[in-house]
Amino acid sequence: MFDDGLTVVSKRDDPNYSQVSGHIPTEMTKKFKIACTMRGVSHSDGLEQAIAIWLAQDNDSSSLAKDKENE
């Protein structure tokens, strides 16, 4: 038995995390769950990765639009 003084806190109990929910098409849900399983990641981690990529792309698009406005 390990007693290293560390306490495991779930994301649900971690104040640095918030829950996000919504409705997506059933077929997309199936593909998402399969992709997470194939990659060996939880649905929570898969969603976090997908949103991070989406936000990065959105930021890139916003930067390009602002650059065009300044020309």
PDB file of N, CA and C in Angstrom:
ATOM      1  N   MET A   1       0.840  -1.175   0.000  1.00  0.00           N
ATOM      2  CA  MET A   1       0.000   0.000   0.000  1.00  0.00           C
ATOM      3  C   MET A   1       0.888   1.242   0.000  1.00  0.00           C
ATOM      4  N   PHE A   2       0.497   2.235  -0.791  1.00  0.00           N
ATOM      5  CA  PHE A   2       1.263   3.469  -0.880  1.00  0.00           C
ATOM      6  C   PHE A   2       0.623   4.530  -0.004  1.00  0.00           C
ATOM      7  N   ASP A   3       1.450   5.221   0.747  1.00  0.00           N
ATOM      8  CA  ASP A   3       0.971   6.348   1.549  1.00  0.00           C
ATOM      9  C   ASP A   3       1.969   7.481   1.368  1.00  0.00           C
ATOM     10  N   ASP A   4       1.826   8.178   0.219  1.00  0.00           N
ATOM     11  CA  ASP A   4       2.764   9.247  -0.088  1.00  0.00           C
ATOM     12  C   ASP A   4       2.216  10.623   0.285  1.00  0.00           C
ATOM     13  N   GLY A   5       1.064  10.645   0.967  1.00  0.00           N
ATOM     14  CA  GLY A   5       0.502  11.908   1.401  1.00  0.00           C
ATOM     15  C   GLY A   5      -0.273  12.657   0.336  1.00  0.00           C
ATOM     16  N   LEU A   6      -0.389  12.082  -0.869  1.00  0.00           N
ATOM     17  CA  LEU A   6      -1.121  12.731  -1.951  1.00  0.00           C
ATOM     18  C   LEU A   6      -2.585  12.328  -1.908  1.00  0.00           C
ATOM     19  N   THR A   7      -3.457  13.265  -2.210  1.00  0.00           N
ATOM     20  CA  THR A   7      -4.875  13.000  -2.283  1.00  0.00           C
ATOM     21  C   THR A   7      -5.312  13.164  -3.728  1.00  0.00           C
ATOM     22  N   VAL A   8      -5.992  12.172  -4.253  1.00  0.00           N
ATOM     23  CA  VAL A   8      -6.490  12.238  -5.622  1.00  0.00           C
ATOM     24  C   VAL A   8      -7.824  12.969  -5.605  1.00  0.00           C
ATOM     25  N   VAL A   9      -7.919  14.013  -6.417  1.00  0.00           N
ATOM     26  CA  VAL A   9      -9.146  14.791  -6.523  1.00  0.00           C
ATOM     27  C   VAL A   9      -9.692  14.588  -7.932  1.00  0.00           C
ATOM     28  N   SER A  10     -10.951  14.208  -8.021  1.00  0.00           N
ATOM     29  CA  SER A  10     -11.556  14.047  -9.342  1.00  0.00           C
ATOM     30  C   SER A  10     -11.782  15.419  -9.958  1.00  0.00           C
ATOM     31  N   LYS A  11     -11.906  15.450 -11.275  1.00  0.00           N
ATOM     32  CA  LYS A  11     -12.168  16.726 -11.945  1.00  0.00           C
ATOM     33  C   LYS A  11     -13.482  17.324 -11.448  1.00  0.00           C
ATOM     34  N   ARG A  12     -14.438  16.468 -11.120  1.00  0.00           N
ATOM     35  CA  ARG A  12     -15.728  16.945 -10.612  1.00  0.00           C
ATOM     36  C   ARG A  12     -15.543  17.757  -9.329  1.00  0.00           C
ATOM     37  N   ASP A  13     -14.595  17.347  -8.491  1.00  0.00           N
ATOM     38  CA  ASP A  13     -14.362  18.022  -7.209  1.00  0.00           C
ATOM     39  C   ASP A  13     -13.265  19.082  -7.282  1.00  0.00           C
ATOM     40  N   ASP A  14     -12.600  19.197  -8.427  1.00  0.00           N
ATOM     41  CA  ASP A  14     -11.505  20.153  -8.587  1.00  0.00           C
ATOM     42  C   ASP A  14     -12.082  21.525  -8.950  1.00  0.00           C
ATOM     43  N   PRO A  15     -11.821  22.560  -8.156  1.00  0.00           N
ATOM     44  CA  PRO A  15     -12.376  23.891  -8.451  1.00  0.00           C
ATOM     45  C   PRO A  15     -11.822  24.514  -9.734  1.00  0.00           C
ATOM     46  N   ASN A  16     -10.779  23.922 -10.310  1.00  0.00           N
ATOM     47  CA  ASN A  16     -10.211  24.435 -11.557  1.00  0.00           C
ATOM     48  C   ASN A  16     -10.923  23.892 -12.789  1.00  0.00           C
ATOM     49  N   TYR A  17     -11.940  23.057 -12.599  1.00  0.00           N
ATOM     50  CA  TYR A  17     -12.682  22.457 -13.706  1.00  0.00           C
ATOM     51  C   TYR A  17     -14.163  22.797 -13.588  1.00  0.00           C
ATOM     52  N   SER A  18     -14.824  22.945 -14.742  1.00  0.00           N
ATOM     53  CA  SER A  18     -16.261  23.187 -14.809  1.00  0.00           C
ATOM     54  C   SER A  18     -16.882  22.196 -15.786  1.00  0.00           C
ATOM     55  N   GLN A  19     -18.150  21.901 -15.577  1.00  0.00           N
ATOM     56  CA  GLN A  19     -18.845  20.989 -16.467  1.00  0.00           C
ATOM     57  C   GLN A  19     -19.411  21.749 -17.651  1.00  0.00           C
ATOM     58  N   VAL A  20     -19.295  21.141 -18.840  1.00  0.00           N
ATOM     59  CA  VAL A  20     -19.856  21.685 -20.072  1.00  0.00           C
ATOM     60  C   VAL A  20     -20.759  20.606 -20.648  1.00  0.00           C
ATOM     61  N   SER A  21     -21.930  20.998 -21.111  1.00  0.00           N
ATOM     62  CA  SER A  21     -22.804  19.994 -21.727  1.00  0.00           C
ATOM     63  C   SER A  21     -23.553  20.614 -22.892  1.00  0.00           C
ATOM     64  N   GLY A  22     -24.054  19.767 -23.740  1.00  0.00           N
ATOM     65  CA  GLY A  22     -24.816  20.210 -24.894  1.00  0.00           C
ATOM     66  C   GLY A  22     -25.342  19.003 -25.632  1.00  0.00           C
ATOM     67  N   HIS A  23     -26.025  19.256 -26.715  1.00  0.00           N
ATOM     68  CA  HIS A  23     -26.585  18.184 -27.526  1.00  0.00           C
ATOM     69  C   HIS A  23     -25.932  18.198 -28.898  1.00  0.00           C
ATOM     70  N   ILE A  24     -25.459  17.018 -29.312  1.00  0.00           N
ATOM     71  CA  ILE A  24     -24.864  16.850 -30.635  1.00  0.00           C
ATOM     72  C   ILE A  24     -25.547  15.661 -31.304  1.00  0.00           C
ATOM     73  N   PRO A  25     -25.427  15.534 -32.624  1.00  0.00           N
ATOM     74  CA  PRO A  25     -26.069  14.418 -33.309  1.00  0.00           C
ATOM     75  C   PRO A  25     -25.590  13.063 -32.773  1.00  0.00           C
ATOM     76  N   THR A  26     -26.496  12.102 -32.744  1.00  0.00           N
ATOM     77  CA  THR A  26     -26.207  10.770 -32.215  1.00  0.00           C
ATOM     78  C   THR A  26     -25.020  10.121 -32.914  1.00  0.00           C
ATOM     79  N   GLU A  27     -24.946  10.261 -34.218  1.00  0.00           N
ATOM     80  CA  GLU A  27     -23.839   9.641 -34.963  1.00  0.00           C
ATOM     81  C   GLU A  27     -22.496  10.255 -34.558  1.00  0.00           C
ATOM     82  N   MET A  28     -22.476  11.553 -34.315  1.00  0.00           N
ATOM     83  CA  MET A  28     -21.248  12.216 -33.867  1.00  0.00           C
ATOM     84  C   MET A  28     -20.856  11.713 -32.479  1.00  0.00           C
ATOM     85  N   THR A  29     -21.850  11.503 -31.627  1.00  0.00           N
ATOM     86  CA  THR A  29     -21.583  10.971 -30.288  1.00  0.00           C
ATOM     87  C   THR A  29     -20.920   9.608 -30.378  1.00  0.00           C
ATOM     88  N   LYS A  30     -21.446   8.747 -31.233  1.00  0.00           N
ATOM     89  CA  LYS A  30     -20.874   7.406 -31.403  1.00  0.00           C
ATOM     90  C   LYS A  30     -19.430   7.488 -31.881  1.00  0.00           C
ATOM     91  N   LYS A  31     -19.185   8.344 -32.868  1.00  0.00           N
ATOM     92  CA  LYS A  31     -17.828   8.486 -33.407  1.00  0.00           C
ATOM     93  C   LYS A  31     -16.871   9.036 -32.353  1.00  0.00           C
ATOM     94  N   PHE A  32     -17.353   9.992 -31.552  1.00  0.00           N
ATOM     95  CA  PHE A  32     -16.534  10.572 -30.495  1.00  0.00           C
ATOM     96  C   PHE A  32     -16.150   9.511 -29.469  1.00  0.00           C
ATOM     97  N   LYS A  33     -17.118   8.720 -29.041  1.00  0.00           N
ATOM     98  CA  LYS A  33     -16.849   7.684 -28.039  1.00  0.00           C
ATOM     99  C   LYS A  33     -15.884   6.631 -28.574  1.00  0.00           C
ATOM    100  N   ILE A  34     -16.048   6.251 -29.828  1.00  0.00           N
ATOM    101  CA  ILE A  34     -15.134   5.280 -30.449  1.00  0.00           C
ATOM    102  C   ILE A  34     -13.733   5.874 -30.535  1.00  0.00           C
ATOM    103  N   ALA A  35     -13.632   7.126 -30.958  1.00  0.00           N
ATOM    104  CA  ALA A  35     -12.325   7.779 -31.085  1.00  0.00           C
ATOM    105  C   ALA A  35     -11.620   7.864 -29.731  1.00  0.00           C
ATOM    106  N   CYS A  36     -12.367   8.187 -28.687  1.00  0.00           N
ATOM    107  CA  CYS A  36     -11.772   8.248 -27.345  1.00  0.00           C
ATOM    108  C   CYS A  36     -11.261   6.874 -26.929  1.00  0.00           C
ATOM    109  N   THR A  37     -12.061   5.851 -27.175  1.00  0.00           N
ATOM    110  CA  THR A  37     -11.659   4.490 -26.822  1.00  0.00           C
ATOM    111  C   THR A  37     -10.422   4.072 -27.591  1.00  0.00           C
ATOM    112  N   MET A  38     -10.378   4.361 -28.873  1.00  0.00           N
ATOM    113  CA  MET A  38      -9.233   3.994 -29.710  1.00  0.00           C
ATOM    114  C   MET A  38      -7.964   4.721 -29.260  1.00  0.00           C
ATOM    115  N   ARG A  39      -8.111   5.940 -28.774  1.00  0.00           N
ATOM    116  CA  ARG A  39      -6.955   6.724 -28.311  1.00  0.00           C
ATOM    117  C   ARG A  39      -6.613   6.455 -26.847  1.00  0.00           C
ATOM    118  N   GLY A  40      -7.494   5.738 -26.170  1.00  0.00           N
ATOM    119  CA  GLY A  40      -7.252   5.432 -24.764  1.00  0.00           C
ATOM    120  C   GLY A  40      -7.397   6.632 -23.845  1.00  0.00           C
ATOM    121  N   VAL A  41      -8.302   7.553 -24.202  1.00  0.00           N
ATOM    122  CA  VAL A  41      -8.535   8.727 -23.366  1.00  0.00           C
ATOM    123  C   VAL A  41      -9.979   8.720 -22.874  1.00  0.00           C
ATOM    124  N   SER A  42     -10.220   9.378 -21.762  1.00  0.00           N
ATOM    125  CA  SER A  42     -11.577   9.491 -21.248  1.00  0.00           C
ATOM    126  C   SER A  42     -12.377  10.444 -22.134  1.00  0.00           C
ATOM    127  N   HIS A  43     -13.691  10.372 -22.032  1.00  0.00           N
ATOM    128  CA  HIS A  43     -14.531  11.298 -22.793  1.00  0.00           C
ATOM    129  C   HIS A  43     -14.248  12.733 -22.359  1.00  0.00           C
ATOM    130  N   SER A  44     -13.996  12.917 -21.069  1.00  0.00           N
ATOM    131  CA  SER A  44     -13.685  14.249 -20.551  1.00  0.00           C
ATOM    132  C   SER A  44     -12.404  14.794 -21.181  1.00  0.00           C
ATOM    133  N   ASP A  45     -11.362  13.955 -21.233  1.00  0.00           N
ATOM    134  CA  ASP A  45     -10.098  14.403 -21.827  1.00  0.00           C
ATOM    135  C   ASP A  45     -10.241  14.629 -23.331  1.00  0.00           C
ATOM    136  N   GLY A  46     -11.006  13.781 -24.010  1.00  0.00           N
ATOM    137  CA  GLY A  46     -11.237  13.960 -25.441  1.00  0.00           C
ATOM    138  C   GLY A  46     -11.966  15.257 -25.728  1.00  0.00           C
ATOM    139  N   LEU A  47     -12.964  15.556 -24.920  1.00  0.00           N
ATOM    140  CA  LEU A  47     -13.709  16.801 -25.089  1.00  0.00           C
ATOM    141  C   LEU A  47     -12.819  18.009 -24.820  1.00  0.00           C
ATOM    142  N   GLU A  48     -11.999  17.911 -23.780  1.00  0.00           N
ATOM    143  CA  GLU A  48     -11.081  19.004 -23.461  1.00  0.00           C
ATOM    144  C   GLU A  48     -10.113  19.259 -24.620  1.00  0.00           C
ATOM    145  N   GLN A  49      -9.583  18.183 -25.202  1.00  0.00           N
ATOM    146  CA  GLN A  49      -8.663  18.324 -26.332  1.00  0.00           C
ATOM    147  C   GLN A  49      -9.369  18.926 -27.546  1.00  0.00           C
ATOM    148  N   ALA A  50     -10.583  18.470 -27.823  1.00  0.00           N
ATOM    149  CA  ALA A  50     -11.330  18.973 -28.980  1.00  0.00           C
ATOM    150  C   ALA A  50     -11.646  20.456 -28.831  1.00  0.00           C
ATOM    151  N   ILE A  51     -12.066  20.864 -27.647  1.00  0.00           N
ATOM    152  CA  ILE A  51     -12.385  22.270 -27.418  1.00  0.00           C
ATOM    153  C   ILE A  51     -11.128  23.126 -27.506  1.00  0.00           C
ATOM    154  N   ALA A  52     -10.007  22.631 -26.987  1.00  0.00           N
ATOM    155  CA  ALA A  52      -8.752  23.386 -27.062  1.00  0.00           C
ATOM    156  C   ALA A  52      -8.352  23.626 -28.519  1.00  0.00           C
ATOM    157  N   ILE A  53      -8.493  22.603 -29.358  1.00  0.00           N
ATOM    158  CA  ILE A  53      -8.174  22.749 -30.784  1.00  0.00           C
ATOM    159  C   ILE A  53      -9.122  23.741 -31.439  1.00  0.00           C
ATOM    160  N   TRP A  54     -10.405  23.633 -31.138  1.00  0.00           N
ATOM    161  CA  TRP A  54     -11.407  24.519 -31.713  1.00  0.00           C
ATOM    162  C   TRP A  54     -11.142  25.970 -31.325  1.00  0.00           C
ATOM    163  N   LEU A  55     -10.822  26.197 -30.057  1.00  0.00           N
ATOM    164  CA  LEU A  55     -10.532  27.554 -29.607  1.00  0.00           C
ATOM    165  C   LEU A  55      -9.268  28.106 -30.258  1.00  0.00           C
ATOM    166  N   ALA A  56      -8.266  27.268 -30.426  1.00  0.00           N
ATOM    167  CA  ALA A  56      -7.032  27.705 -31.081  1.00  0.00           C
ATOM    168  C   ALA A  56      -7.309  28.096 -32.527  1.00  0.00           C
ATOM    169  N   GLN A  57      -8.130  27.326 -33.214  1.00  0.00           N
ATOM    170  CA  GLN A  57      -8.485  27.653 -34.595  1.00  0.00           C
ATOM    171  C   GLN A  57      -9.285  28.941 -34.647  1.00  0.00           C
ATOM    172  N   ASP A  58     -10.189  29.120 -33.687  1.00  0.00           N
ATOM    173  CA  ASP A  58     -10.999  30.332 -33.621  1.00  0.00           C
ATOM    174  C   ASP A  58     -10.116  31.549 -33.386  1.00  0.00           C
ATOM    175  N   ASN A  59      -9.123  31.416 -32.518  1.00  0.00           N
ATOM    176  CA  ASN A  59      -8.193  32.518 -32.259  1.00  0.00           C
ATOM    177  C   ASN A  59      -7.380  32.843 -33.497  1.00  0.00           C
ATOM    178  N   ASP A  60      -6.965  31.816 -34.240  1.00  0.00           N
ATOM    179  CA  ASP A  60      -6.208  32.042 -35.468  1.00  0.00           C
ATOM    180  C   ASP A  60      -7.066  32.786 -36.485  1.00  0.00           C
ATOM    181  N   SER A  61      -8.338  32.418 -36.600  1.00  0.00           N
ATOM    182  CA  SER A  61      -9.245  33.081 -37.538  1.00  0.00           C
ATOM    183  C   SER A  61      -9.473  34.530 -37.143  1.00  0.00           C
ATOM    184  N   SER A  62      -9.633  34.777 -35.842  1.00  0.00           N
ATOM    185  CA  SER A  62      -9.843  36.145 -35.362  1.00  0.00           C
ATOM    186  C   SER A  62      -8.625  37.005 -35.636  1.00  0.00           C
ATOM    187  N   SER A  63      -7.441  36.442 -35.466  1.00  0.00           N
ATOM    188  CA  SER A  63      -6.203  37.182 -35.716  1.00  0.00           C
ATOM    189  C   SER A  63      -6.088  37.544 -37.185  1.00  0.00           C
ATOM    190  N   LEU A  64      -6.456  36.615 -38.071  1.00  0.00           N
ATOM    191  CA  LEU A  64      -6.393  36.888 -39.501  1.00  0.00           C
ATOM    192  C   LEU A  64      -7.375  37.990 -39.885  1.00  0.00           C
ATOM    193  N   ALA A  65      -8.581  37.946 -39.324  1.00  0.00           N
ATOM    194  CA  ALA A  65      -9.579  38.972 -39.626  1.00  0.00           C
ATOM    195  C   ALA A  65      -9.105  40.338 -39.153  1.00  0.00           C
ATOM    196  N   LYS A  66      -8.502  40.415 -37.985  1.00  0.00           N
ATOM    197  CA  LYS A  66      -8.002  41.695 -37.468  1.00  0.00           C
ATOM    198  C   LYS A  66      -6.855  42.204 -38.320  1.00  0.00           C
ATOM    199  N   ASP A  67      -5.992  41.296 -38.803  1.00  0.00           N
ATOM    200  CA  ASP A  67      -4.877  41.705 -39.653  1.00  0.00           C
ATOM    201  C   ASP A  67      -5.397  42.317 -40.953  1.00  0.00           C
ATOM    202  N   LYS A  68      -6.458  41.731 -41.530  1.00  0.00           N
ATOM    203  CA  LYS A  68      -7.019  42.252 -42.775  1.00  0.00           C
ATOM    204  C   LYS A  68      -7.641  43.626 -42.557  1.00  0.00           C
ATOM    205  N   GLU A  69      -8.277  43.811 -41.384  1.00  0.00           N
ATOM    206  CA  GLU A  69      -8.880  45.111 -41.073  1.00  0.00           C
ATOM    207  C   GLU A  69      -7.824  46.200 -40.964  1.00  0.00           C
ATOM    208  N   ASN A  70      -6.629  45.842 -40.515  1.00  0.00           N
ATOM    209  CA  ASN A  70      -5.565  46.823 -40.298  1.00  0.00           C
ATOM    210  C   ASN A  70      -4.764  47.116 -41.559  1.00  0.00           C
ATOM    211  N   GLU A  71      -5.060  46.436 -42.649  1.00  0.00           N
ATOM    212  CA  GLU A  71      -4.298  46.671 -43.896  1.00  0.00           C
ATOM    213  C   GLU A  71      -4.728  47.943 -44.568  1.00  0.00           C
TER     214      GLU A  71
END
